[in-house]
């Protein structure tokens, strides 16, 4: 009986941690300057590619820089109406 309780508690703790880690990754990405939508999309893609992906905090910096560059390039473009 003790073994079953122990295994269930380990399984519950693992499930809670696995569910909480993406939220931590998204929060870290947002703190580096990227928008919530970009961070959520990146985390979603990361989870779909690898069930248990390796977390790379440098990846968040790349996302933030790319988003900043895309926003500045959008600001400099002009729409042409025909």
Protein backbone atom coordinates (compact mmCIF):
# COMPACT_ATOMS: atom_id res chain seq x y z
CA UNK A 1 0.00 0.00 0.00
CA UNK A 2 2.86 2.39 0.81
CA UNK A 3 4.42 1.72 -2.59
CA UNK A 4 1.21 2.62 -4.38
CA UNK A 5 0.83 5.85 -2.41
CA UNK A 6 4.45 6.74 -3.12
CA UNK A 7 4.12 6.05 -6.85
CA UNK A 8 0.90 8.06 -7.05
CA UNK A 9 2.49 11.01 -5.27
CA UNK A 10 5.49 10.91 -7.62
CA UNK A 11 3.17 10.75 -10.63
CA UNK A 12 1.13 13.72 -9.36
CA UNK A 13 4.24 15.78 -8.65
CA UNK A 14 5.60 15.01 -12.12
CA UNK A 15 2.31 15.99 -13.76
CA UNK A 16 2.18 19.27 -11.83
CA UNK A 17 5.77 20.17 -12.71
CA UNK A 18 5.33 19.27 -16.37
CA UNK A 19 2.22 21.44 -16.52
CA UNK A 20 3.89 24.40 -14.79
CA UNK A 21 7.16 24.51 -16.75
CA UNK A 22 5.69 25.97 -19.96
CA UNK A 23 4.19 28.83 -17.94
CA UNK A 24 7.61 29.59 -16.48
CA UNK A 25 9.17 29.54 -19.95
CA UNK A 26 6.51 31.92 -21.28
CA UNK A 27 6.97 34.30 -18.35
CA UNK A 28 10.74 34.32 -18.89
CA UNK A 29 10.27 35.03 -22.58
CA UNK A 30 7.92 37.94 -21.81
CA UNK A 31 10.40 39.39 -19.32
CA UNK A 32 12.95 39.58 -22.12
CA UNK A 33 10.68 41.83 -24.15
CA UNK A 34 8.67 39.58 -26.45
CA UNK A 35 4.89 39.74 -26.56
CA UNK A 36 2.71 37.11 -24.92
CA UNK A 37 1.43 35.81 -28.26
CA UNK A 38 4.93 35.26 -29.62
CA UNK A 39 6.07 33.52 -26.42
CA UNK A 40 3.01 31.26 -26.29
CA UNK A 41 3.43 30.33 -29.95
CA UNK A 42 7.11 29.53 -29.47
CA UNK A 43 6.39 27.37 -26.43
CA UNK A 44 3.54 25.63 -28.24
CA UNK A 45 5.81 24.84 -31.20
CA UNK A 46 8.53 23.63 -28.85
CA UNK A 47 6.17 21.22 -27.11
CA UNK A 48 4.72 19.91 -30.38
CA UNK A 49 8.16 19.19 -31.82
CA UNK A 50 9.53 17.48 -28.71
CA UNK A 51 7.41 15.93 -25.98
CA UNK A 52 10.12 16.73 -23.42
CA UNK A 53 12.12 19.53 -25.05
CA UNK A 54 15.39 20.86 -23.68
CA UNK A 55 14.86 24.35 -22.34
CA UNK A 56 17.16 26.93 -23.86
CA UNK A 57 16.80 30.45 -22.39
CA UNK A 58 18.84 31.90 -25.27
CA UNK A 59 15.98 30.89 -27.58
CA UNK A 60 13.77 33.46 -25.83
CA UNK A 61 16.31 36.21 -26.53
CA UNK A 62 16.32 35.31 -30.21
CA UNK A 63 12.52 35.52 -30.28
CA UNK A 64 12.54 38.92 -28.56
CA UNK A 65 15.13 40.30 -31.00
CA UNK A 66 13.26 38.96 -34.03
CA UNK A 67 10.01 40.45 -32.80
CA UNK A 68 11.64 43.83 -32.19
CA UNK A 69 13.15 43.78 -35.67
CA UNK A 70 9.85 42.83 -37.29
CA UNK A 71 8.04 45.63 -35.47
CA UNK A 72 10.55 48.22 -36.65
CA UNK A 73 10.36 46.94 -40.23
CA UNK A 74 6.55 47.10 -40.15
CA UNK A 75 6.69 50.69 -38.90
CA UNK A 76 8.88 51.69 -41.85
CA UNK A 77 6.71 50.14 -44.55
CA UNK A 78 3.88 51.95 -46.27
CA UNK A 79 0.63 50.48 -47.46
CA UNK A 80 -0.29 51.14 -51.06
CA UNK A 81 -3.99 51.26 -51.77
CA UNK A 82 -5.19 50.67 -55.29
